[in-house]
PDB file of all heavy atoms in Angstrom:
ATOM      1  N   PRO A   1       0.541 -22.814   6.406  1.00  0.00           N
ATOM      2  CA  PRO A   1       0.494 -22.610   4.974  1.00  0.00           C
ATOM      3  C   PRO A   1      -0.008 -21.247   4.629  1.00  0.00           C
ATOM      4  O   PRO A   1       0.522 -20.703   3.654  1.00  0.00           O
ATOM      5  CB  PRO A   1      -0.376 -23.776   4.508  1.00  0.00           C
ATOM      6  CG  PRO A   1      -0.257 -24.799   5.563  1.00  0.00           C
ATOM      7  CD  PRO A   1      -0.102 -24.032   6.863  1.00  0.00           C
ATOM      8  N   SER A   2      -1.000 -20.779   5.228  1.00  0.00           N
ATOM      9  CA  SER A   2      -1.682 -19.514   4.878  1.00  0.00           C
ATOM     10  C   SER A   2      -0.699 -18.339   5.135  1.00  0.00           C
ATOM     11  O   SER A   2      -0.631 -17.445   4.373  1.00  0.00           O
ATOM     12  CB  SER A   2      -2.990 -19.326   5.696  1.00  0.00           C
ATOM     13  OG  SER A   2      -2.694 -19.392   7.032  1.00  0.00           O
ATOM     14  N   THR A   3       0.112 -18.429   6.222  1.00  0.00           N
ATOM     15  CA  THR A   3       1.110 -17.355   6.486  1.00  0.00           C
ATOM     16  C   THR A   3       2.147 -17.396   5.479  1.00  0.00           C
ATOM     17  O   THR A   3       2.591 -16.393   4.956  1.00  0.00           O
ATOM     18  CB  THR A   3       1.600 -17.511   7.889  1.00  0.00           C
ATOM     19  OG1 THR A   3       0.527 -17.491   8.856  1.00  0.00           O
ATOM     20  CG2 THR A   3       2.617 -16.423   8.291  1.00  0.00           C
ATOM     21  N   LEU A   4       2.646 -18.613   5.156  1.00  0.00           N
ATOM     22  CA  LEU A   4       3.744 -18.760   4.164  1.00  0.00           C
ATOM     23  C   LEU A   4       3.166 -18.169   2.860  1.00  0.00           C
ATOM     24  O   LEU A   4       3.975 -17.481   2.079  1.00  0.00           O
ATOM     25  CB  LEU A   4       4.116 -20.151   4.093  1.00  0.00           C
ATOM     26  CG  LEU A   4       5.192 -20.491   2.939  1.00  0.00           C
ATOM     27  CD1 LEU A   4       6.448 -19.683   3.287  1.00  0.00           C
ATOM     28  CD2 LEU A   4       5.532 -21.945   2.949  1.00  0.00           C
ATOM     29  N   ALA A   5       1.998 -18.484   2.455  1.00  0.00           N
ATOM     30  CA  ALA A   5       1.424 -18.004   1.160  1.00  0.00           C
ATOM     31  C   ALA A   5       1.431 -16.462   1.153  1.00  0.00           C
ATOM     32  O   ALA A   5       1.750 -15.864   0.078  1.00  0.00           O
ATOM     33  CB  ALA A   5       0.092 -18.527   0.929  1.00  0.00           C
ATOM     34  N   ALA A   6       1.106 -15.935   2.257  1.00  0.00           N
ATOM     35  CA  ALA A   6       1.023 -14.430   2.288  1.00  0.00           C
ATOM     36  C   ALA A   6       2.346 -13.768   2.212  1.00  0.00           C
ATOM     37  O   ALA A   6       2.607 -12.811   1.466  1.00  0.00           O
ATOM     38  CB  ALA A   6       0.277 -13.994   3.586  1.00  0.00           C
ATOM     39  N   VAL A   7       3.345 -14.374   2.824  1.00  0.00           N
ATOM     40  CA  VAL A   7       4.754 -13.844   2.812  1.00  0.00           C
ATOM     41  C   VAL A   7       5.244 -14.060   1.340  1.00  0.00           C
ATOM     42  O   VAL A   7       5.950 -13.163   0.935  1.00  0.00           O
ATOM     43  CB  VAL A   7       5.546 -14.642   3.861  1.00  0.00           C
ATOM     44  CG1 VAL A   7       7.057 -14.204   3.686  1.00  0.00           C
ATOM     45  CG2 VAL A   7       5.121 -14.284   5.272  1.00  0.00           C
ATOM     46  N   ASN A   8       4.975 -15.184   0.736  1.00  0.00           N
ATOM     47  CA  ASN A   8       5.481 -15.335  -0.623  1.00  0.00           C
ATOM     48  C   ASN A   8       4.848 -14.396  -1.607  1.00  0.00           C
ATOM     49  O   ASN A   8       5.470 -14.023  -2.581  1.00  0.00           O
ATOM     50  CB  ASN A   8       5.195 -16.812  -1.047  1.00  0.00           C
ATOM     51  CG  ASN A   8       6.204 -17.812  -0.434  1.00  0.00           C
ATOM     52  OD1 ASN A   8       7.303 -17.457  -0.160  1.00  0.00           O
ATOM     53  ND2 ASN A   8       5.766 -19.006  -0.327  1.00  0.00           N
ATOM     54  N   ALA A   9       3.614 -13.937  -1.226  1.00  0.00           N
ATOM     55  CA  ALA A   9       3.005 -12.988  -2.153  1.00  0.00           C
ATOM     56  C   ALA A   9       3.411 -11.540  -1.893  1.00  0.00           C
ATOM     57  O   ALA A   9       3.101 -10.652  -2.697  1.00  0.00           O
ATOM     58  CB  ALA A   9       1.440 -13.068  -1.888  1.00  0.00           C
ATOM     59  N   HIS A  10       4.288 -11.405  -0.941  1.00  0.00           N
ATOM     60  CA  HIS A  10       4.768 -10.018  -0.629  1.00  0.00           C
ATOM     61  C   HIS A  10       6.313 -10.132  -0.558  1.00  0.00           C
ATOM     62  O   HIS A  10       6.946 -10.033   0.513  1.00  0.00           O
ATOM     63  CB  HIS A  10       4.210  -9.487   0.778  1.00  0.00           C
ATOM     64  CG  HIS A  10       2.765  -9.281   0.688  1.00  0.00           C
ATOM     65  ND1 HIS A  10       1.865 -10.293   0.841  1.00  0.00           N
ATOM     66  CD2 HIS A  10       2.074  -8.148   0.539  1.00  0.00           C
ATOM     67  CE1 HIS A  10       0.607  -9.822   0.741  1.00  0.00           C
ATOM     68  NE2 HIS A  10       0.716  -8.537   0.600  1.00  0.00           N
ATOM     69  N   ASP A  11       6.893 -10.260  -1.742  1.00  0.00           N
ATOM     70  CA  ASP A  11       8.378 -10.381  -1.733  1.00  0.00           C
ATOM     71  C   ASP A  11       9.020  -8.982  -1.764  1.00  0.00           C
ATOM     72  O   ASP A  11       8.334  -7.935  -1.834  1.00  0.00           O
ATOM     73  CB  ASP A  11       8.844 -11.237  -2.880  1.00  0.00           C
ATOM     74  CG  ASP A  11       8.350 -10.671  -4.241  1.00  0.00           C
ATOM     75  OD1 ASP A  11       7.976  -9.488  -4.349  1.00  0.00           O
ATOM     76  OD2 ASP A  11       8.403 -11.416  -5.260  1.00  0.00           O
ATOM     77  N   GLU A  12      10.352  -8.901  -1.802  1.00  0.00           N
ATOM     78  CA  GLU A  12      11.048  -7.718  -1.808  1.00  0.00           C
ATOM     79  C   GLU A  12      10.839  -6.876  -3.083  1.00  0.00           C
ATOM     80  O   GLU A  12      10.762  -5.642  -2.998  1.00  0.00           O
ATOM     81  CB  GLU A  12      12.545  -7.904  -1.610  1.00  0.00           C
ATOM     82  CG  GLU A  12      12.962  -8.486  -0.274  1.00  0.00           C
ATOM     83  CD  GLU A  12      14.372  -8.712  -0.060  1.00  0.00           C
ATOM     84  OE1 GLU A  12      15.182  -7.673  -0.035  1.00  0.00           O
ATOM     85  OE2 GLU A  12      14.842  -9.879   0.024  1.00  0.00           O
ATOM     86  N   ALA A  13      10.755  -7.583  -4.143  1.00  0.00           N
ATOM     87  CA  ALA A  13      10.480  -6.756  -5.392  1.00  0.00           C
ATOM     88  C   ALA A  13       9.167  -5.995  -5.381  1.00  0.00           C
ATOM     89  O   ALA A  13       9.147  -4.831  -5.765  1.00  0.00           O
ATOM     90  CB  ALA A  13      10.477  -7.719  -6.612  1.00  0.00           C
ATOM     91  N   GLN A  14       8.170  -6.711  -4.899  1.00  0.00           N
ATOM     92  CA  GLN A  14       6.830  -6.025  -4.749  1.00  0.00           C
ATOM     93  C   GLN A  14       6.883  -4.879  -3.793  1.00  0.00           C
ATOM     94  O   GLN A  14       6.316  -3.775  -4.064  1.00  0.00           O
ATOM     95  CB  GLN A  14       5.775  -7.039  -4.375  1.00  0.00           C
ATOM     96  CG  GLN A  14       4.340  -6.482  -4.365  1.00  0.00           C
ATOM     97  CD  GLN A  14       3.519  -6.969  -3.133  1.00  0.00           C
ATOM     98  OE1 GLN A  14       3.994  -6.869  -2.029  1.00  0.00           O
ATOM     99  NE2 GLN A  14       2.322  -7.530  -3.455  1.00  0.00           N
ATOM    100  N   HIS A  15       7.544  -5.143  -2.639  1.00  0.00           N
ATOM    101  CA  HIS A  15       7.722  -4.048  -1.666  1.00  0.00           C
ATOM    102  C   HIS A  15       8.454  -2.848  -2.144  1.00  0.00           C
ATOM    103  O   HIS A  15       8.080  -1.674  -1.938  1.00  0.00           O
ATOM    104  CB  HIS A  15       8.377  -4.562  -0.397  1.00  0.00           C
ATOM    105  CG  HIS A  15       8.366  -3.602   0.745  1.00  0.00           C
ATOM    106  ND1 HIS A  15       7.231  -3.360   1.529  1.00  0.00           N
ATOM    107  CD2 HIS A  15       9.334  -2.769   1.192  1.00  0.00           C
ATOM    108  CE1 HIS A  15       7.605  -2.461   2.490  1.00  0.00           C
ATOM    109  NE2 HIS A  15       8.886  -2.168   2.241  1.00  0.00           N
ATOM    110  N   THR A  16       9.579  -3.142  -2.879  1.00  0.00           N
ATOM    111  CA  THR A  16      10.318  -2.077  -3.515  1.00  0.00           C
ATOM    112  C   THR A  16       9.541  -1.269  -4.557  1.00  0.00           C
ATOM    113  O   THR A  16       9.587  -0.012  -4.613  1.00  0.00           O
ATOM    114  CB  THR A  16      11.542  -2.607  -4.170  1.00  0.00           C
ATOM    115  OG1 THR A  16      12.404  -3.344  -3.188  1.00  0.00           O
ATOM    116  CG2 THR A  16      12.482  -1.589  -4.781  1.00  0.00           C
ATOM    117  N   ALA A  17       8.752  -1.949  -5.331  1.00  0.00           N
ATOM    118  CA  ALA A  17       7.902  -1.229  -6.333  1.00  0.00           C
ATOM    119  C   ALA A  17       6.870  -0.366  -5.658  1.00  0.00           C
ATOM    120  O   ALA A  17       6.559   0.723  -6.251  1.00  0.00           O
ATOM    121  CB  ALA A  17       7.241  -2.299  -7.217  1.00  0.00           C
ATOM    122  N   ARG A  18       6.462  -0.695  -4.611  1.00  0.00           N
ATOM    123  CA  ARG A  18       5.407   0.120  -3.831  1.00  0.00           C
ATOM    124  C   ARG A  18       5.958   1.178  -2.890  1.00  0.00           C
ATOM    125  O   ARG A  18       5.388   2.289  -2.739  1.00  0.00           O
ATOM    126  CB  ARG A  18       4.403  -0.780  -3.105  1.00  0.00           C
ATOM    127  CG  ARG A  18       3.710  -1.680  -3.972  1.00  0.00           C
ATOM    128  CD  ARG A  18       2.834  -2.725  -3.194  1.00  0.00           C
ATOM    129  NE  ARG A  18       1.763  -2.123  -2.459  1.00  0.00           N
ATOM    130  CZ  ARG A  18       0.901  -2.836  -1.738  1.00  0.00           C
ATOM    131  NH1 ARG A  18       1.024  -4.143  -1.630  1.00  0.00           N
ATOM    132  NH2 ARG A  18      -0.088  -2.198  -1.095  1.00  0.00           N
ATOM    133  N   CYS A  19       7.144   0.825  -2.278  1.00  0.00           N
ATOM    134  CA  CYS A  19       7.697   1.702  -1.239  1.00  0.00           C
ATOM    135  C   CYS A  19       9.070   2.153  -1.376  1.00  0.00           C
ATOM    136  O   CYS A  19       9.598   2.864  -0.632  1.00  0.00           O
ATOM    137  CB  CYS A  19       7.516   0.865   0.053  1.00  0.00           C
ATOM    138  SG  CYS A  19       5.909   0.417   0.556  1.00  0.00           S
ATOM    139  N   GLY A  20       9.763   1.582  -2.477  1.00  0.00           N
ATOM    140  CA  GLY A  20      11.176   1.878  -2.593  1.00  0.00           C
ATOM    141  C   GLY A  20      12.022   0.817  -1.904  1.00  0.00           C
ATOM    142  O   GLY A  20      11.520   0.021  -1.112  1.00  0.00           O
ATOM    143  N   ALA A  21      13.301   0.848  -2.099  1.00  0.00           N
ATOM    144  CA  ALA A  21      14.232  -0.147  -1.613  1.00  0.00           C
ATOM    145  C   ALA A  21      14.249   0.028  -0.024  1.00  0.00           C
ATOM    146  O   ALA A  21      14.365   1.118   0.443  1.00  0.00           O
ATOM    147  CB  ALA A  21      15.623  -0.003  -2.113  1.00  0.00           C
ATOM    148  N   ASP A  22      14.180  -1.125   0.591  1.00  0.00           N
ATOM    149  CA  ASP A  22      14.171  -1.116   2.068  1.00  0.00           C
ATOM    150  C   ASP A  22      14.799  -2.523   2.572  1.00  0.00           C
ATOM    151  O   ASP A  22      14.111  -3.498   2.608  1.00  0.00           O
ATOM    152  CB  ASP A  22      12.715  -1.039   2.658  1.00  0.00           C
ATOM    153  CG  ASP A  22      12.713  -0.847   4.185  1.00  0.00           C
ATOM    154  OD1 ASP A  22      13.762  -1.037   4.796  1.00  0.00           O
ATOM    155  OD2 ASP A  22      11.615  -0.485   4.709  1.00  0.00           O
ATOM    156  N   ALA A  23      16.077  -2.419   3.001  1.00  0.00           N
ATOM    157  CA  ALA A  23      16.724  -3.639   3.338  1.00  0.00           C
ATOM    158  C   ALA A  23      16.088  -4.222   4.571  1.00  0.00           C
ATOM    159  O   ALA A  23      16.086  -5.540   4.756  1.00  0.00           O
ATOM    160  CB  ALA A  23      18.217  -3.234   3.634  1.00  0.00           C
ATOM    161  N   ASN A  24      15.483  -3.465   5.404  1.00  0.00           N
ATOM    162  CA  ASN A  24      14.845  -4.030   6.645  1.00  0.00           C
ATOM    163  C   ASN A  24      13.713  -4.864   6.314  1.00  0.00           C
ATOM    164  O   ASN A  24      13.483  -5.978   7.015  1.00  0.00           O
ATOM    165  CB  ASN A  24      14.356  -2.846   7.510  1.00  0.00           C
ATOM    166  CG  ASN A  24      15.486  -2.098   8.227  1.00  0.00           C
ATOM    167  OD1 ASN A  24      16.535  -2.639   8.510  1.00  0.00           O
ATOM    168  ND2 ASN A  24      15.259  -0.818   8.457  1.00  0.00           N
ATOM    169  N   PHE A  25      12.980  -4.615   5.242  1.00  0.00           N
ATOM    170  CA  PHE A  25      11.862  -5.538   4.798  1.00  0.00           C
ATOM    171  C   PHE A  25      12.460  -6.874   4.473  1.00  0.00           C
ATOM    172  O   PHE A  25      11.904  -7.940   4.832  1.00  0.00           O
ATOM    173  CB  PHE A  25      11.129  -4.859   3.668  1.00  0.00           C
ATOM    174  CG  PHE A  25       9.977  -5.681   3.270  1.00  0.00           C
ATOM    175  CD1 PHE A  25       8.722  -5.413   3.878  1.00  0.00           C
ATOM    176  CD2 PHE A  25      10.003  -6.693   2.309  1.00  0.00           C
ATOM    177  CE1 PHE A  25       7.580  -6.186   3.529  1.00  0.00           C
ATOM    178  CE2 PHE A  25       8.887  -7.394   1.945  1.00  0.00           C
ATOM    179  CZ  PHE A  25       7.717  -7.128   2.574  1.00  0.00           C
ATOM    180  N   GLY A  26      13.594  -6.871   3.807  1.00  0.00           N
ATOM    181  CA  GLY A  26      14.258  -8.107   3.320  1.00  0.00           C
ATOM    182  C   GLY A  26      14.629  -8.944   4.474  1.00  0.00           C
ATOM    183  O   GLY A  26      14.503 -10.125   4.508  1.00  0.00           O
ATOM    184  N   TRP A  27      15.339  -8.284   5.520  1.00  0.00           N
ATOM    185  CA  TRP A  27      15.792  -9.039   6.689  1.00  0.00           C
ATOM    186  C   TRP A  27      14.534  -9.623   7.466  1.00  0.00           C
ATOM    187  O   TRP A  27      14.572 -10.735   7.927  1.00  0.00           O
ATOM    188  CB  TRP A  27      16.552  -8.127   7.613  1.00  0.00           C
ATOM    189  CG  TRP A  27      17.877  -7.719   7.070  1.00  0.00           C
ATOM    190  CD1 TRP A  27      18.351  -6.431   6.790  1.00  0.00           C
ATOM    191  CD2 TRP A  27      19.015  -8.578   6.648  1.00  0.00           C
ATOM    192  NE1 TRP A  27      19.541  -6.478   6.261  1.00  0.00           N
ATOM    193  CE2 TRP A  27      20.014  -7.787   6.171  1.00  0.00           C
ATOM    194  CE3 TRP A  27      19.156  -9.975   6.662  1.00  0.00           C
ATOM    195  CZ2 TRP A  27      21.230  -8.253   5.680  1.00  0.00           C
ATOM    196  CZ3 TRP A  27      20.398 -10.464   6.223  1.00  0.00           C
ATOM    197  CH2 TRP A  27      21.442  -9.676   5.721  1.00  0.00           C
ATOM    198  N   ALA A  28      13.509  -8.795   7.583  1.00  0.00           N
ATOM    199  CA  ALA A  28      12.312  -9.232   8.315  1.00  0.00           C
ATOM    200  C   ALA A  28      11.684 -10.463   7.568  1.00  0.00           C
ATOM    201  O   ALA A  28      11.283 -11.537   8.210  1.00  0.00           O
ATOM    202  CB  ALA A  28      11.259  -8.140   8.428  1.00  0.00           C
ATOM    203  N   ARG A  29      11.589 -10.372   6.266  1.00  0.00           N
ATOM    204  CA  ARG A  29      10.976 -11.430   5.525  1.00  0.00           C
ATOM    205  C   ARG A  29      11.834 -12.740   5.584  1.00  0.00           C
ATOM    206  O   ARG A  29      11.227 -13.796   5.701  1.00  0.00           O
ATOM    207  CB  ARG A  29      10.833 -10.988   4.017  1.00  0.00           C
ATOM    208  CG  ARG A  29      10.066 -11.972   3.114  1.00  0.00           C
ATOM    209  CD  ARG A  29       9.772 -11.340   1.754  1.00  0.00           C
ATOM    210  NE  ARG A  29       9.055 -12.278   0.959  1.00  0.00           N
ATOM    211  CZ  ARG A  29       9.592 -13.218   0.160  1.00  0.00           C
ATOM    212  NH1 ARG A  29      10.881 -13.421   0.237  1.00  0.00           N
ATOM    213  NH2 ARG A  29       8.854 -14.120  -0.521  1.00  0.00           N
ATOM    214  N   THR A  30      13.072 -12.613   5.528  1.00  0.00           N
ATOM    215  CA  THR A  30      13.976 -13.749   5.626  1.00  0.00           C
ATOM    216  C   THR A  30      13.811 -14.426   6.966  1.00  0.00           C
ATOM    217  O   THR A  30      13.744 -15.634   7.090  1.00  0.00           O
ATOM    218  CB  THR A  30      15.406 -13.343   5.474  1.00  0.00           C
ATOM    219  OG1 THR A  30      15.652 -12.748   4.156  1.00  0.00           O
ATOM    220  CG2 THR A  30      16.387 -14.540   5.553  1.00  0.00           C
ATOM    221  N   THR A  31      13.665 -13.693   8.086  1.00  0.00           N
ATOM    222  CA  THR A  31      13.428 -14.274   9.377  1.00  0.00           C
ATOM    223  C   THR A  31      12.094 -14.984   9.377  1.00  0.00           C
ATOM    224  O   THR A  31      12.024 -16.039  10.016  1.00  0.00           O
ATOM    225  CB  THR A  31      13.539 -13.211  10.464  1.00  0.00           C
ATOM    226  OG1 THR A  31      14.748 -12.431  10.275  1.00  0.00           O
ATOM    227  CG2 THR A  31      13.471 -13.823  11.862  1.00  0.00           C
ATOM    228  N   VAL A  32      11.082 -14.445   8.839  1.00  0.00           N
ATOM    229  CA  VAL A  32       9.739 -15.016   8.850  1.00  0.00           C
ATOM    230  C   VAL A  32       9.887 -16.417   8.077  1.00  0.00           C
ATOM    231  O   VAL A  32       9.307 -17.357   8.545  1.00  0.00           O
ATOM    232  CB  VAL A  32       8.705 -14.171   8.234  1.00  0.00           C
ATOM    233  CG1 VAL A  32       7.359 -14.808   8.088  1.00  0.00           C
ATOM    234  CG2 VAL A  32       8.555 -12.836   9.037  1.00  0.00           C
ATOM    235  N   LEU A  33      10.543 -16.321   6.983  1.00  0.00           N
ATOM    236  CA  LEU A  33      10.711 -17.602   6.178  1.00  0.00           C
ATOM    237  C   LEU A  33      11.472 -18.633   6.894  1.00  0.00           C
ATOM    238  O   LEU A  33      11.252 -19.908   6.721  1.00  0.00           O
ATOM    239  CB  LEU A  33      11.326 -17.326   4.755  1.00  0.00           C
ATOM    240  CG  LEU A  33      10.516 -16.497   3.868  1.00  0.00           C
ATOM    241  CD1 LEU A  33      11.344 -16.079   2.628  1.00  0.00           C
ATOM    242  CD2 LEU A  33       9.267 -17.274   3.385  1.00  0.00           C
TER     243      LEU A  33
END
């Protein structure tokens, strides 16, 4: 549960806002989920 909560708190929109668009982050996050 703690890992899932951390992943949900770091979605693609948040990553894009901080780092710019990065498809690799989305693929990695989807695999973790």
